N, C-alpha and C. Protein backbone atom coordinates (compact mmCIF):
# COMPACT_ATOMS: atom_id res chain seq x y z
N MET A 1 -10.41 34.76 -47.81
CA MET A 1 -10.70 33.06 -47.86
C MET A 1 -12.17 32.94 -48.14
N TRP A 2 -12.21 32.09 -48.67
CA TRP A 2 -13.62 31.94 -49.03
C TRP A 2 -14.01 30.55 -48.89
N VAL A 3 -15.69 29.94 -48.83
CA VAL A 3 -15.62 28.47 -48.40
C VAL A 3 -16.67 28.28 -49.35
N TYR A 4 -16.70 27.14 -50.15
CA TYR A 4 -17.36 26.35 -51.21
C TYR A 4 -17.74 25.91 -50.37
N GLU A 5 -19.25 25.85 -50.70
CA GLU A 5 -20.36 24.71 -50.43
C GLU A 5 -21.01 24.27 -51.58
N LYS A 6 -21.12 23.14 -51.77
CA LYS A 6 -21.52 22.17 -52.74
C LYS A 6 -22.80 21.98 -52.40
N LYS A 7 -23.85 22.86 -52.96
CA LYS A 7 -25.53 22.70 -52.75
C LYS A 7 -26.37 22.90 -53.92
N LEU A 8 -27.27 22.31 -54.15
CA LEU A 8 -28.17 22.46 -55.08
C LEU A 8 -29.08 23.49 -55.26
N GLN A 9 -29.40 24.59 -55.86
CA GLN A 9 -30.29 25.47 -55.53
C GLN A 9 -31.74 25.06 -55.20
N TYR A 10 -32.17 23.74 -55.83
CA TYR A 10 -33.50 23.11 -55.50
C TYR A 10 -33.13 21.79 -54.83
N PRO A 11 -33.80 21.27 -53.72
CA PRO A 11 -33.34 19.90 -53.58
C PRO A 11 -34.14 19.26 -54.41
N VAL A 12 -33.39 17.89 -54.54
CA VAL A 12 -34.11 16.71 -55.88
C VAL A 12 -34.04 15.24 -55.26
N ASN A 13 -35.23 14.99 -55.02
CA ASN A 13 -35.53 13.45 -54.27
C ASN A 13 -35.79 12.79 -55.34
N ILE A 14 -34.92 11.59 -55.51
CA ILE A 14 -34.95 11.20 -56.80
C ILE A 14 -36.00 9.29 -56.23
N LYS A 15 -36.88 9.38 -56.52
CA LYS A 15 -37.91 8.33 -55.98
C LYS A 15 -37.71 7.37 -56.76
N GLN A 16 -37.84 7.29 -57.92
CA GLN A 16 -37.60 6.31 -58.89
C GLN A 16 -36.67 6.58 -60.26
N THR A 17 -36.02 5.98 -60.93
CA THR A 17 -35.08 6.26 -61.78
C THR A 17 -36.12 6.02 -63.22
N ASN A 18 -35.35 6.61 -64.08
CA ASN A 18 -36.30 6.67 -65.59
C ASN A 18 -35.27 6.48 -66.44
N PRO A 19 -34.53 5.11 -66.94
CA PRO A 19 -33.32 5.56 -67.65
C PRO A 19 -33.61 6.27 -68.97
N ARG A 20 -35.18 6.10 -69.89
CA ARG A 20 -35.38 6.85 -71.00
C ARG A 20 -35.31 8.16 -70.82
N LEU A 21 -36.06 8.44 -69.77
CA LEU A 21 -35.81 10.23 -69.36
C LEU A 21 -34.35 10.82 -69.49
N ALA A 22 -33.83 9.95 -68.58
CA ALA A 22 -32.61 10.33 -68.54
C ALA A 22 -31.45 10.49 -70.05
N LYS A 23 -32.13 9.51 -70.86
CA LYS A 23 -31.32 9.71 -72.06
C LYS A 23 -31.88 10.85 -72.94
N ILE A 24 -32.91 10.98 -72.93
CA ILE A 24 -33.41 12.23 -73.64
C ILE A 24 -32.77 13.90 -72.86
N ILE A 25 -32.55 13.90 -71.85
CA ILE A 25 -32.02 15.17 -71.29
C ILE A 25 -30.74 15.11 -71.43
N ILE A 26 -30.14 14.09 -71.65
CA ILE A 26 -28.52 13.99 -71.67
C ILE A 26 -28.38 14.63 -73.30
N THR A 27 -29.00 13.98 -74.28
CA THR A 27 -29.01 14.52 -75.58
C THR A 27 -29.39 15.89 -75.73
N GLN A 28 -30.24 16.51 -74.78
CA GLN A 28 -30.37 17.88 -75.07
C GLN A 28 -29.50 18.20 -74.31
N TYR A 29 -28.62 18.14 -73.90
CA TYR A 29 -27.45 19.32 -73.19
C TYR A 29 -26.50 18.56 -73.74
N GLY A 30 -26.24 17.79 -73.75
CA GLY A 30 -24.76 17.26 -74.74
C GLY A 30 -24.78 16.73 -76.15
N GLY A 31 -25.61 16.54 -76.75
CA GLY A 31 -25.81 16.20 -78.05
C GLY A 31 -25.38 17.16 -79.44
N PRO A 32 -25.44 16.43 -80.30
CA PRO A 32 -24.99 17.47 -81.46
C PRO A 32 -25.65 18.65 -81.82
N ASP A 33 -27.06 18.62 -81.64
CA ASP A 33 -27.88 19.99 -81.41
C ASP A 33 -28.17 20.05 -80.08
N GLY A 34 -27.77 19.74 -79.30
CA GLY A 34 -27.85 20.14 -77.79
C GLY A 34 -27.35 21.71 -77.23
N GLU A 35 -27.83 21.78 -76.31
CA GLU A 35 -27.47 23.34 -75.22
C GLU A 35 -26.17 23.48 -75.29
N LEU A 36 -25.10 22.91 -75.11
CA LEU A 36 -23.70 22.91 -75.04
C LEU A 36 -23.24 23.15 -76.23
N GLY A 37 -23.27 22.13 -77.27
CA GLY A 37 -23.12 22.59 -78.83
C GLY A 37 -23.43 23.67 -79.21
N ALA A 38 -24.67 24.28 -79.15
CA ALA A 38 -24.85 25.69 -79.64
C ALA A 38 -24.15 26.52 -78.71
N SER A 39 -24.09 26.52 -77.49
CA SER A 39 -23.06 27.57 -76.86
C SER A 39 -21.55 27.50 -77.26
N LEU A 40 -20.99 26.22 -77.76
CA LEU A 40 -19.60 26.05 -78.04
C LEU A 40 -19.38 26.68 -79.41
N ARG A 41 -20.59 26.34 -79.90
CA ARG A 41 -20.50 27.67 -81.39
C ARG A 41 -20.60 28.39 -81.26
N TYR A 42 -21.13 29.31 -80.57
CA TYR A 42 -21.34 30.89 -80.52
C TYR A 42 -20.12 31.18 -80.11
N LEU A 43 -19.55 30.40 -79.12
CA LEU A 43 -18.30 31.08 -78.38
C LEU A 43 -16.82 30.87 -79.52
N SER A 44 -17.34 30.26 -80.41
CA SER A 44 -16.07 29.75 -80.82
C SER A 44 -16.16 30.51 -82.49
N GLN A 45 -17.41 30.95 -82.52
CA GLN A 45 -17.53 32.06 -84.12
C GLN A 45 -17.35 33.52 -83.67
N ARG A 46 -17.01 33.50 -82.31
CA ARG A 46 -17.06 35.06 -82.08
C ARG A 46 -15.27 35.37 -82.38
N TYR A 47 -14.59 34.60 -82.32
CA TYR A 47 -13.20 34.54 -82.32
C TYR A 47 -12.95 34.94 -84.15
N THR A 48 -13.95 34.86 -85.10
CA THR A 48 -13.48 35.40 -86.14
C THR A 48 -14.28 36.52 -86.57
N VAL A 49 -15.02 37.15 -85.89
CA VAL A 49 -15.46 38.01 -86.23
C VAL A 49 -15.06 39.57 -86.17
N PRO A 50 -15.05 40.39 -87.04
CA PRO A 50 -14.21 41.57 -87.00
C PRO A 50 -14.86 42.52 -86.36
N TYR A 51 -15.86 42.83 -86.01
CA TYR A 51 -16.80 43.84 -85.42
C TYR A 51 -17.01 43.50 -83.77
N PRO A 52 -16.27 44.69 -83.03
CA PRO A 52 -16.42 43.94 -81.56
C PRO A 52 -18.21 43.69 -81.14
N GLU A 53 -18.57 44.91 -81.87
CA GLU A 53 -20.30 44.72 -81.22
C GLU A 53 -20.82 43.19 -81.36
N VAL A 54 -20.66 42.89 -82.53
CA VAL A 54 -21.22 41.55 -82.80
C VAL A 54 -20.34 40.81 -82.20
N LYS A 55 -19.02 41.02 -81.81
CA LYS A 55 -18.15 39.74 -80.88
C LYS A 55 -18.80 39.29 -79.27
N ALA A 56 -19.48 40.91 -78.84
CA ALA A 56 -20.07 41.24 -77.82
C ALA A 56 -21.45 40.06 -77.61
N VAL A 57 -21.92 40.13 -78.77
CA VAL A 57 -23.42 39.95 -78.56
C VAL A 57 -23.02 38.27 -78.54
N LEU A 58 -22.32 37.75 -79.63
CA LEU A 58 -21.89 36.31 -79.57
C LEU A 58 -21.44 35.70 -78.27
N THR A 59 -20.70 36.25 -77.46
CA THR A 59 -20.13 36.10 -76.40
C THR A 59 -21.51 36.24 -75.03
N ASP A 60 -22.16 37.30 -75.26
CA ASP A 60 -23.54 37.02 -74.56
C ASP A 60 -24.35 35.96 -74.66
N ILE A 61 -24.43 35.58 -76.02
CA ILE A 61 -25.29 34.60 -76.12
C ILE A 61 -24.79 33.19 -75.81
N GLY A 62 -23.39 32.88 -75.99
CA GLY A 62 -22.52 32.01 -75.79
C GLY A 62 -22.55 31.64 -74.27
N THR A 63 -22.50 32.47 -73.65
CA THR A 63 -22.59 32.26 -72.08
C THR A 63 -23.83 32.01 -71.40
N GLU A 64 -24.89 32.29 -72.06
CA GLU A 64 -26.25 32.54 -71.47
C GLU A 64 -27.06 30.68 -72.08
N GLU A 65 -26.54 30.86 -73.35
CA GLU A 65 -27.19 29.31 -73.65
C GLU A 65 -27.36 28.27 -72.92
N PRO A 66 -26.69 27.88 -72.59
CA PRO A 66 -26.75 26.37 -71.43
C PRO A 66 -27.60 26.62 -70.01
N VAL A 67 -28.17 27.86 -69.97
CA VAL A 67 -29.17 27.90 -69.09
C VAL A 67 -30.60 27.41 -68.85
N PRO A 68 -30.69 26.51 -68.29
CA PRO A 68 -32.09 25.65 -68.70
C PRO A 68 -33.33 26.43 -68.14
């Protein structure tokens, strides 16, 4: 049995909102040239590669890509 505690690694205290900065951050993560898009491209390309070594490299890159 385990207990899931939803905590942030670093505490975040937002004193003032900034919609322009939020828009820039969202496009970096979810936009067409963002981190998530790149990660999904690596992970989808690994299914067409015939060499296991290359497939392993694409898997490693795809799983590490979204980490900021």
